Amino acid sequence: MDRRLSQRHVDAYYGIADALGKRITTNSDSLAALAGDCATDGTPDEACTRAFIESFGARAFRRPLTSAEVDRYLELRIDGTPGGDVVFGILFTMILAPDFLYHLEVRGEPLPSQSRVLALTPHEKAARLSYLFWRSMPDQELMDAAAAGELDTDPGFETAAERVFADPRTKATLREF
């Protein structure tokens, strides 16, 4: 429905996801670095697969996944399937997901004064800060602050913003601007 997105874009996203997935999952060192050693031990069990989904998903979507999302990705794991194939399917699907490709901020609660406007969740605030100043995903410290609810308080948000602004990546972004 977005006219800025053409079939060429979709084809390019698909090609990138396919190439990246193959590159990572056909190399046992890369596979282990991304999904853990258990992914290289033949068929990964559900616990191994779940750990990968939760870890990679949180980084890719810039927020923890819901239990329904984890369950949906777990359905891609079929008993007897080699670890590289399991990780490829999950990685490929996540990389093509709108939550990865776009900055969707639709999980907050409506503001009391404006029911059609949503308040940003702590993870959305972390993503906004990091992409505004670093042009990259939130680091672990920002993700931890979001998970702890610190970005929902003025002092916590101010502390995070000051840290982000003092980071050398911010200086590079401002210099390029």
N, C-alpha and C. Protein backbone atom coordinates (compact mmCIF):
# COMPACT_ATOMS: atom_id res chain seq x y z
N MET A 1 0.81 -1.20 0.00
CA MET A 1 0.00 0.00 0.00
C MET A 1 0.86 1.28 0.00
N ASP A 2 2.13 1.15 0.33
CA ASP A 2 3.03 2.28 0.35
C ASP A 2 3.65 2.42 -1.04
N ARG A 3 3.36 3.50 -1.70
CA ARG A 3 3.84 3.68 -3.08
C ARG A 3 5.35 3.89 -3.16
N ARG A 4 5.96 4.20 -2.04
CA ARG A 4 7.42 4.34 -2.05
C ARG A 4 8.11 2.99 -2.10
N LEU A 5 7.38 1.91 -1.84
CA LEU A 5 7.92 0.56 -1.83
C LEU A 5 7.52 -0.13 -3.12
N SER A 6 8.51 -0.42 -3.95
CA SER A 6 8.23 -1.05 -5.24
C SER A 6 8.58 -2.54 -5.20
N GLN A 7 8.23 -3.24 -6.25
CA GLN A 7 8.60 -4.65 -6.34
C GLN A 7 10.12 -4.81 -6.35
N ARG A 8 10.83 -3.84 -6.90
CA ARG A 8 12.29 -3.90 -6.89
C ARG A 8 12.82 -3.88 -5.46
N HIS A 9 12.18 -3.08 -4.58
CA HIS A 9 12.57 -3.06 -3.18
C HIS A 9 12.36 -4.43 -2.54
N VAL A 10 11.18 -5.00 -2.78
CA VAL A 10 10.86 -6.30 -2.20
C VAL A 10 11.84 -7.36 -2.69
N ASP A 11 12.13 -7.35 -3.98
CA ASP A 11 13.08 -8.31 -4.55
C ASP A 11 14.47 -8.13 -3.94
N ALA A 12 14.87 -6.88 -3.73
CA ALA A 12 16.19 -6.61 -3.14
C ALA A 12 16.24 -7.09 -1.70
N TYR A 13 15.19 -6.81 -0.91
CA TYR A 13 15.14 -7.29 0.47
C TYR A 13 15.24 -8.81 0.50
N TYR A 14 14.50 -9.46 -0.37
CA TYR A 14 14.50 -10.92 -0.44
C TYR A 14 15.91 -11.43 -0.76
N GLY A 15 16.54 -10.83 -1.75
CA GLY A 15 17.89 -11.25 -2.13
C GLY A 15 18.90 -11.06 -1.02
N ILE A 16 18.81 -9.95 -0.30
CA ILE A 16 19.71 -9.69 0.81
C ILE A 16 19.49 -10.69 1.94
N ALA A 17 18.23 -10.94 2.27
CA ALA A 17 17.92 -11.90 3.34
C ALA A 17 18.42 -13.29 2.97
N ASP A 18 18.23 -13.68 1.72
CA ASP A 18 18.67 -14.99 1.26
C ASP A 18 20.20 -15.09 1.31
N ALA A 19 20.89 -14.10 0.78
CA ALA A 19 22.36 -14.13 0.75
C ALA A 19 22.94 -14.09 2.16
N LEU A 20 22.41 -13.24 3.02
CA LEU A 20 22.90 -13.14 4.39
C LEU A 20 22.65 -14.44 5.13
N GLY A 21 21.45 -14.97 5.00
CA GLY A 21 21.12 -16.22 5.67
C GLY A 21 22.03 -17.35 5.24
N LYS A 22 22.28 -17.47 3.93
CA LYS A 22 23.17 -18.53 3.43
C LYS A 22 24.60 -18.31 3.91
N ARG A 23 25.04 -17.09 3.89
CA ARG A 23 26.42 -16.78 4.29
C ARG A 23 26.67 -17.16 5.75
N ILE A 24 25.70 -16.86 6.59
CA ILE A 24 25.86 -17.14 8.02
C ILE A 24 25.67 -18.62 8.33
N THR A 25 24.65 -19.22 7.74
CA THR A 25 24.28 -20.57 8.17
C THR A 25 25.09 -21.68 7.49
N THR A 26 25.87 -21.35 6.47
CA THR A 26 26.70 -22.38 5.85
C THR A 26 28.12 -22.39 6.41
N ASN A 27 28.39 -21.49 7.33
CA ASN A 27 29.70 -21.43 7.99
C ASN A 27 29.47 -21.75 9.46
N SER A 28 30.04 -22.84 9.95
CA SER A 28 29.76 -23.27 11.32
C SER A 28 30.21 -22.25 12.37
N ASP A 29 31.30 -21.53 12.11
CA ASP A 29 31.74 -20.50 13.07
C ASP A 29 30.74 -19.36 13.13
N SER A 30 30.27 -18.90 11.98
CA SER A 30 29.28 -17.82 11.95
C SER A 30 27.96 -18.27 12.57
N LEU A 31 27.57 -19.50 12.26
CA LEU A 31 26.33 -20.04 12.80
C LEU A 31 26.40 -20.11 14.32
N ALA A 32 27.51 -20.61 14.86
CA ALA A 32 27.68 -20.70 16.31
C ALA A 32 27.72 -19.31 16.94
N ALA A 33 28.38 -18.35 16.28
CA ALA A 33 28.46 -16.99 16.84
C ALA A 33 27.08 -16.34 16.91
N LEU A 34 26.23 -16.62 15.93
CA LEU A 34 24.90 -16.01 15.90
C LEU A 34 23.90 -16.76 16.77
N ALA A 35 23.89 -18.09 16.66
CA ALA A 35 22.82 -18.87 17.29
C ALA A 35 23.28 -19.75 18.43
N GLY A 36 24.57 -19.79 18.72
CA GLY A 36 25.06 -20.63 19.80
C GLY A 36 25.58 -21.95 19.29
N ASP A 37 26.45 -22.55 20.07
CA ASP A 37 27.06 -23.82 19.68
C ASP A 37 26.02 -24.92 19.44
N CYS A 38 24.91 -24.85 20.16
CA CYS A 38 23.90 -25.90 20.01
C CYS A 38 23.31 -25.93 18.61
N ALA A 39 23.39 -24.84 17.87
CA ALA A 39 22.85 -24.80 16.51
C ALA A 39 23.72 -25.58 15.53
N THR A 40 24.95 -25.86 15.91
CA THR A 40 25.86 -26.60 15.02
C THR A 40 25.91 -28.08 15.37
N ASP A 41 25.20 -28.48 16.41
CA ASP A 41 25.22 -29.88 16.88
C ASP A 41 24.11 -30.71 16.24
N GLY A 42 24.01 -30.68 14.94
CA GLY A 42 22.94 -31.45 14.29
C GLY A 42 21.63 -30.72 14.35
N THR A 43 20.64 -31.33 14.97
CA THR A 43 19.31 -30.74 15.09
C THR A 43 19.20 -29.98 16.40
N PRO A 44 18.97 -28.68 16.36
CA PRO A 44 18.85 -27.93 17.62
C PRO A 44 17.54 -28.28 18.33
N ASP A 45 17.60 -28.38 19.65
CA ASP A 45 16.38 -28.65 20.40
C ASP A 45 15.57 -27.36 20.56
N GLU A 46 14.41 -27.48 21.16
CA GLU A 46 13.53 -26.32 21.30
C GLU A 46 14.17 -25.23 22.16
N ALA A 47 14.88 -25.60 23.22
CA ALA A 47 15.50 -24.60 24.09
C ALA A 47 16.56 -23.80 23.33
N CYS A 48 17.36 -24.47 22.52
CA CYS A 48 18.38 -23.79 21.71
C CYS A 48 17.72 -22.83 20.73
N THR A 49 16.69 -23.32 20.07
CA THR A 49 15.99 -22.51 19.07
C THR A 49 15.31 -21.31 19.73
N ARG A 50 14.68 -21.55 20.85
CA ARG A 50 14.02 -20.46 21.58
C ARG A 50 15.02 -19.39 22.00
N ALA A 51 16.18 -19.81 22.50
CA ALA A 51 17.21 -18.86 22.93
C ALA A 51 17.66 -18.00 21.74
N PHE A 52 17.85 -18.62 20.59
CA PHE A 52 18.23 -17.85 19.40
C PHE A 52 17.13 -16.87 19.01
N ILE A 53 15.90 -17.34 18.97
CA ILE A 53 14.78 -16.48 18.58
C ILE A 53 14.68 -15.27 19.51
N GLU A 54 14.76 -15.52 20.81
CA GLU A 54 14.62 -14.42 21.77
C GLU A 54 15.79 -13.45 21.69
N SER A 55 17.01 -13.97 21.55
CA SER A 55 18.20 -13.12 21.52
C SER A 55 18.27 -12.33 20.21
N PHE A 56 18.23 -13.03 19.09
CA PHE A 56 18.34 -12.34 17.80
C PHE A 56 17.11 -11.47 17.55
N GLY A 57 15.94 -11.96 17.91
CA GLY A 57 14.72 -11.19 17.71
C GLY A 57 14.73 -9.86 18.45
N ALA A 58 15.23 -9.88 19.69
CA ALA A 58 15.30 -8.63 20.48
C ALA A 58 16.22 -7.62 19.82
N ARG A 59 17.31 -8.10 19.24
CA ARG A 59 18.23 -7.17 18.55
C ARG A 59 17.63 -6.70 17.22
N ALA A 60 17.07 -7.64 16.47
CA ALA A 60 16.53 -7.29 15.15
C ALA A 60 15.33 -6.36 15.25
N PHE A 61 14.43 -6.64 16.19
CA PHE A 61 13.21 -5.84 16.31
C PHE A 61 13.36 -4.68 17.31
N ARG A 62 14.54 -4.60 17.94
CA ARG A 62 14.85 -3.52 18.87
C ARG A 62 13.91 -3.51 20.08
N ARG A 63 13.43 -4.70 20.43
CA ARG A 63 12.54 -4.88 21.58
C ARG A 63 12.42 -6.37 21.84
N PRO A 64 12.03 -6.75 23.06
CA PRO A 64 11.78 -8.17 23.30
C PRO A 64 10.58 -8.65 22.47
N LEU A 65 10.63 -9.88 22.03
CA LEU A 65 9.51 -10.44 21.29
C LEU A 65 8.41 -10.86 22.27
N THR A 66 7.19 -10.82 21.80
CA THR A 66 6.08 -11.32 22.62
C THR A 66 6.13 -12.85 22.61
N SER A 67 5.45 -13.46 23.54
CA SER A 67 5.44 -14.93 23.58
C SER A 67 4.77 -15.49 22.32
N ALA A 68 3.79 -14.80 21.78
CA ALA A 68 3.14 -15.25 20.54
C ALA A 68 4.12 -15.20 19.37
N GLU A 69 4.96 -14.16 19.32
CA GLU A 69 5.96 -14.08 18.26
C GLU A 69 6.99 -15.20 18.38
N VAL A 70 7.46 -15.45 19.60
CA VAL A 70 8.43 -16.52 19.81
C VAL A 70 7.81 -17.85 19.37
N ASP A 71 6.58 -18.09 19.76
CA ASP A 71 5.90 -19.34 19.38
C ASP A 71 5.78 -19.46 17.86
N ARG A 72 5.47 -18.35 17.21
CA ARG A 72 5.33 -18.38 15.74
C ARG A 72 6.66 -18.74 15.08
N TYR A 73 7.75 -18.16 15.57
CA TYR A 73 9.06 -18.49 14.98
C TYR A 73 9.49 -19.91 15.35
N LEU A 74 9.09 -20.38 16.52
CA LEU A 74 9.40 -21.75 16.91
C LEU A 74 8.75 -22.76 15.96
N GLU A 75 7.63 -22.38 15.36
CA GLU A 75 6.96 -23.28 14.42
C GLU A 75 7.82 -23.56 13.19
N LEU A 76 8.83 -22.72 12.94
CA LEU A 76 9.72 -22.95 11.81
C LEU A 76 10.72 -24.07 12.10
N ARG A 77 10.82 -24.48 13.36
CA ARG A 77 11.72 -25.57 13.75
C ARG A 77 10.96 -26.89 13.61
N ILE A 78 11.46 -27.74 12.76
CA ILE A 78 10.87 -29.05 12.56
C ILE A 78 11.88 -30.08 13.04
N ASP A 79 11.43 -31.01 13.88
CA ASP A 79 12.33 -32.04 14.40
C ASP A 79 13.06 -32.73 13.25
N GLY A 80 14.36 -32.90 13.44
CA GLY A 80 15.17 -33.57 12.43
C GLY A 80 15.81 -32.63 11.43
N THR A 81 15.43 -31.36 11.46
CA THR A 81 16.01 -30.39 10.52
C THR A 81 17.36 -29.92 11.05
N PRO A 82 18.39 -29.91 10.22
CA PRO A 82 19.72 -29.44 10.67
C PRO A 82 19.67 -28.00 11.19
N GLY A 83 20.56 -27.72 12.14
CA GLY A 83 20.59 -26.40 12.78
C GLY A 83 20.72 -25.25 11.80
N GLY A 84 21.57 -25.40 10.79
CA GLY A 84 21.74 -24.32 9.82
C GLY A 84 20.45 -24.00 9.09
N ASP A 85 19.68 -25.04 8.76
CA ASP A 85 18.42 -24.83 8.07
C ASP A 85 17.37 -24.17 8.98
N VAL A 86 17.35 -24.58 10.24
CA VAL A 86 16.42 -23.98 11.20
C VAL A 86 16.74 -22.50 11.37
N VAL A 87 18.02 -22.19 11.60
CA VAL A 87 18.42 -20.79 11.80
C VAL A 87 18.19 -20.00 10.53
N PHE A 88 18.47 -20.58 9.37
CA PHE A 88 18.23 -19.87 8.10
C PHE A 88 16.77 -19.45 7.99
N GLY A 89 15.86 -20.37 8.26
CA GLY A 89 14.43 -20.05 8.14
C GLY A 89 14.00 -18.93 9.07
N ILE A 90 14.48 -18.98 10.30
CA ILE A 90 14.13 -17.95 11.28
C ILE A 90 14.77 -16.62 10.92
N LEU A 91 16.06 -16.65 10.60
CA LEU A 91 16.79 -15.44 10.23
C LEU A 91 16.16 -14.79 9.00
N PHE A 92 15.90 -15.58 7.97
CA PHE A 92 15.31 -15.08 6.73
C PHE A 92 13.96 -14.42 7.01
N THR A 93 13.14 -15.09 7.81
CA THR A 93 11.80 -14.57 8.11
C THR A 93 11.87 -13.28 8.93
N MET A 94 12.77 -13.24 9.91
CA MET A 94 12.89 -12.04 10.74
C MET A 94 13.43 -10.85 9.94
N ILE A 95 14.38 -11.12 9.05
CA ILE A 95 14.96 -10.02 8.27
C ILE A 95 13.95 -9.41 7.31
N LEU A 96 12.96 -10.18 6.92
CA LEU A 96 11.93 -9.66 6.02
C LEU A 96 10.70 -9.13 6.77
N ALA A 97 10.69 -9.25 8.09
CA ALA A 97 9.55 -8.80 8.89
C ALA A 97 9.50 -7.27 8.93
N PRO A 98 8.30 -6.71 8.87
CA PRO A 98 8.17 -5.25 8.98
C PRO A 98 8.81 -4.67 10.24
N ASP A 99 8.78 -5.42 11.35
CA ASP A 99 9.39 -4.92 12.58
C ASP A 99 10.90 -4.75 12.45
N PHE A 100 11.53 -5.49 11.56
CA PHE A 100 12.96 -5.31 11.31
C PHE A 100 13.18 -4.21 10.27
N LEU A 101 12.44 -4.25 9.18
CA LEU A 101 12.68 -3.34 8.06
C LEU A 101 12.29 -1.89 8.36
N TYR A 102 11.28 -1.72 9.17
CA TYR A 102 10.75 -0.38 9.41
C TYR A 102 10.79 -0.06 10.91
N HIS A 103 10.75 1.20 11.21
CA HIS A 103 10.69 1.64 12.60
C HIS A 103 9.21 1.82 12.94
N LEU A 104 8.60 0.72 13.35
CA LEU A 104 7.19 0.75 13.71
C LEU A 104 7.05 1.09 15.18
N GLU A 105 6.31 2.10 15.46
CA GLU A 105 6.09 2.51 16.84
C GLU A 105 4.59 2.50 17.09
N VAL A 106 4.08 1.28 17.29
CA VAL A 106 2.64 1.11 17.40
C VAL A 106 2.25 0.28 18.62
N ARG A 107 3.17 0.14 19.56
CA ARG A 107 2.90 -0.73 20.70
C ARG A 107 2.52 0.04 21.96
N GLY A 108 2.64 1.35 21.94
CA GLY A 108 2.36 2.14 23.14
C GLY A 108 0.87 2.26 23.41
N GLU A 109 0.58 2.81 24.56
CA GLU A 109 -0.80 3.04 24.98
C GLU A 109 -1.26 4.41 24.50
N PRO A 110 -2.54 4.55 24.16
CA PRO A 110 -3.05 5.88 23.75
C PRO A 110 -2.87 6.90 24.86
N LEU A 111 -2.54 8.11 24.46
CA LEU A 111 -2.42 9.20 25.44
C LEU A 111 -3.81 9.57 25.94
N PRO A 112 -3.94 9.87 27.23
CA PRO A 112 -5.26 10.22 27.77
C PRO A 112 -5.89 11.42 27.06
N SER A 113 -5.08 12.39 26.70
CA SER A 113 -5.61 13.61 26.09
C SER A 113 -5.82 13.48 24.58
N GLN A 114 -5.17 12.49 23.95
CA GLN A 114 -5.27 12.29 22.50
C GLN A 114 -5.33 10.80 22.21
N SER A 115 -6.51 10.26 22.14
CA SER A 115 -6.65 8.81 22.02
C SER A 115 -6.09 8.25 20.71
N ARG A 116 -5.86 9.10 19.73
CA ARG A 116 -5.31 8.62 18.45
C ARG A 116 -3.79 8.71 18.40
N VAL A 117 -3.18 9.15 19.49
CA VAL A 117 -1.72 9.26 19.58
C VAL A 117 -1.24 8.28 20.64
N LEU A 118 -0.23 7.49 20.29
CA LEU A 118 0.31 6.51 21.22
C LEU A 118 1.57 7.04 21.90
N ALA A 119 1.69 6.75 23.19
CA ALA A 119 2.93 7.05 23.91
C ALA A 119 3.96 6.02 23.49
N LEU A 120 5.20 6.43 23.33
CA LEU A 120 6.25 5.49 22.98
C LEU A 120 6.52 4.55 24.14
N THR A 121 6.77 3.29 23.82
CA THR A 121 7.20 2.33 24.85
C THR A 121 8.66 2.61 25.18
N PRO A 122 9.17 2.08 26.27
CA PRO A 122 10.59 2.29 26.58
C PRO A 122 11.53 1.81 25.47
N HIS A 123 11.21 0.68 24.84
CA HIS A 123 12.07 0.18 23.76
C HIS A 123 11.98 1.08 22.52
N GLU A 124 10.82 1.64 22.27
CA GLU A 124 10.70 2.58 21.15
C GLU A 124 11.49 3.85 21.43
N LYS A 125 11.51 4.29 22.68
CA LYS A 125 12.33 5.45 23.05
C LYS A 125 13.81 5.15 22.86
N ALA A 126 14.23 3.96 23.25
CA ALA A 126 15.64 3.57 23.08
C ALA A 126 16.00 3.57 21.59
N ALA A 127 15.11 3.04 20.76
CA ALA A 127 15.37 3.00 19.32
C ALA A 127 15.41 4.42 18.75
N ARG A 128 14.49 5.27 19.17
CA ARG A 128 14.49 6.66 18.69
C ARG A 128 15.80 7.36 19.04
N LEU A 129 16.24 7.21 20.28
CA LEU A 129 17.50 7.84 20.70
C LEU A 129 18.67 7.33 19.86
N SER A 130 18.77 6.01 19.73
CA SER A 130 19.93 5.45 19.04
C SER A 130 19.93 5.78 17.56
N TYR A 131 18.79 5.71 16.91
CA TYR A 131 18.78 5.99 15.47
C TYR A 131 18.91 7.49 15.18
N LEU A 132 18.42 8.33 16.08
CA LEU A 132 18.58 9.76 15.89
C LEU A 132 20.05 10.18 15.98
N PHE A 133 20.74 9.66 17.00
CA PHE A 133 22.11 10.12 17.23
C PHE A 133 23.19 9.18 16.69
N TRP A 134 22.89 7.87 16.61
CA TRP A 134 23.91 6.92 16.18
C TRP A 134 23.64 6.34 14.80
N ARG A 135 22.42 6.49 14.32
CA ARG A 135 21.98 5.88 13.06
C ARG A 135 22.17 4.37 13.10
N SER A 136 21.95 3.81 14.27
CA SER A 136 22.10 2.37 14.47
C SER A 136 21.19 1.93 15.61
N MET A 137 21.11 0.63 15.77
CA MET A 137 20.25 0.06 16.80
C MET A 137 20.74 0.40 18.21
N PRO A 138 19.86 0.30 19.19
CA PRO A 138 20.27 0.57 20.57
C PRO A 138 21.34 -0.42 21.03
N ASP A 139 22.26 0.07 21.83
CA ASP A 139 23.26 -0.82 22.42
C ASP A 139 22.64 -1.54 23.62
N GLN A 140 23.40 -2.43 24.21
CA GLN A 140 22.86 -3.23 25.32
C GLN A 140 22.48 -2.36 26.50
N GLU A 141 23.24 -1.31 26.75
CA GLU A 141 22.92 -0.44 27.89
C GLU A 141 21.57 0.26 27.70
N LEU A 142 21.29 0.71 26.49
CA LEU A 142 19.99 1.32 26.21
C LEU A 142 18.87 0.29 26.31
N MET A 143 19.12 -0.92 25.80
CA MET A 143 18.11 -1.98 25.88
C MET A 143 17.83 -2.34 27.35
N ASP A 144 18.89 -2.37 28.16
CA ASP A 144 18.72 -2.67 29.59
C ASP A 144 17.93 -1.56 30.28
N ALA A 145 18.23 -0.31 29.95
CA ALA A 145 17.50 0.82 30.54
C ALA A 145 16.02 0.76 30.14
N ALA A 146 15.75 0.40 28.90
CA ALA A 146 14.37 0.27 28.44
C ALA A 146 13.66 -0.86 29.20
N ALA A 147 14.32 -2.00 29.32
CA ALA A 147 13.73 -3.15 30.01
C ALA A 147 13.44 -2.83 31.48
N ALA A 148 14.30 -2.02 32.09
CA ALA A 148 14.12 -1.67 33.50
C ALA A 148 13.11 -0.55 33.70
N GLY A 149 12.60 0.03 32.61
CA GLY A 149 11.63 1.11 32.72
C GLY A 149 12.26 2.46 33.00
N GLU A 150 13.58 2.53 32.95
CA GLU A 150 14.27 3.79 33.27
C GLU A 150 13.96 4.88 32.26
N LEU A 151 13.67 4.52 31.01
CA LEU A 151 13.41 5.55 29.99
C LEU A 151 12.02 6.15 30.13
N ASP A 152 11.21 5.61 31.03
CA ASP A 152 9.88 6.18 31.29
C ASP A 152 9.90 7.24 32.38
N THR A 153 11.08 7.47 32.98
CA THR A 153 11.20 8.53 33.98
C THR A 153 12.05 9.65 33.40
N ASP A 154 11.77 10.87 33.81
CA ASP A 154 12.56 11.99 33.32
C ASP A 154 14.05 11.85 33.65
N PRO A 155 14.41 11.52 34.91
CA PRO A 155 15.84 11.37 35.21
C PRO A 155 16.49 10.22 34.42
N GLY A 156 15.78 9.12 34.27
CA GLY A 156 16.34 7.98 33.53
C GLY A 156 16.53 8.30 32.06
N PHE A 157 15.54 8.97 31.47
CA PHE A 157 15.66 9.34 30.06
C PHE A 157 16.78 10.36 29.87
N GLU A 158 16.87 11.31 30.79
CA GLU A 158 17.92 12.33 30.70
C GLU A 158 19.30 11.69 30.80
N THR A 159 19.48 10.74 31.70
CA THR A 159 20.75 10.04 31.84
C THR A 159 21.10 9.31 30.55
N ALA A 160 20.12 8.61 29.98
CA ALA A 160 20.35 7.86 28.74
C ALA A 160 20.68 8.82 27.59
N ALA A 161 19.94 9.92 27.50
CA ALA A 161 20.17 10.88 26.42
C ALA A 161 21.55 11.51 26.53
N GLU A 162 21.97 11.84 27.75
CA GLU A 162 23.30 12.41 27.94
C GLU A 162 24.39 11.41 27.54
N ARG A 163 24.21 10.15 27.90
CA ARG A 163 25.19 9.13 27.53
C ARG A 163 25.26 8.96 26.02
N VAL A 164 24.10 8.89 25.39
CA VAL A 164 24.05 8.74 23.93
C VAL A 164 24.69 9.95 23.26
N PHE A 165 24.37 11.12 23.75
CA PHE A 165 24.90 12.33 23.13
C PHE A 165 26.41 12.46 23.31
N ALA A 166 26.95 11.93 24.41
CA ALA A 166 28.40 12.00 24.66
C ALA A 166 29.18 10.94 23.87
N ASP A 167 28.50 9.99 23.30
CA ASP A 167 29.14 8.90 22.57
C ASP A 167 29.79 9.43 21.28
N PRO A 168 30.95 8.92 20.90
CA PRO A 168 31.62 9.36 19.67
C PRO A 168 30.77 9.16 18.41
N ARG A 169 29.86 8.18 18.41
CA ARG A 169 28.99 7.98 17.24
C ARG A 169 28.10 9.18 17.00
N THR A 170 27.70 9.86 18.09
CA THR A 170 26.87 11.06 17.94
C THR A 170 27.67 12.17 17.27
N LYS A 171 28.91 12.32 17.67
CA LYS A 171 29.76 13.35 17.06
C LYS A 171 29.90 13.10 15.55
N ALA A 172 30.06 11.84 15.17
CA ALA A 172 30.17 11.51 13.76
C ALA A 172 28.87 11.83 13.01
N THR A 173 27.74 11.53 13.63
CA THR A 173 26.44 11.82 13.01
C THR A 173 26.27 13.33 12.83
N LEU A 174 26.59 14.08 13.86
CA LEU A 174 26.45 15.54 13.77
C LEU A 174 27.41 16.13 12.76
N ARG A 175 28.61 15.61 12.69
CA ARG A 175 29.59 16.10 11.72
C ARG A 175 29.08 15.87 10.28
N GLU A 176 28.53 14.69 10.04
CA GLU A 176 28.00 14.39 8.71
C GLU A 176 26.77 15.22 8.37
N PHE A 177 25.98 15.54 9.41
CA PHE A 177 24.80 16.36 9.18
C PHE A 177 25.22 17.76 8.72
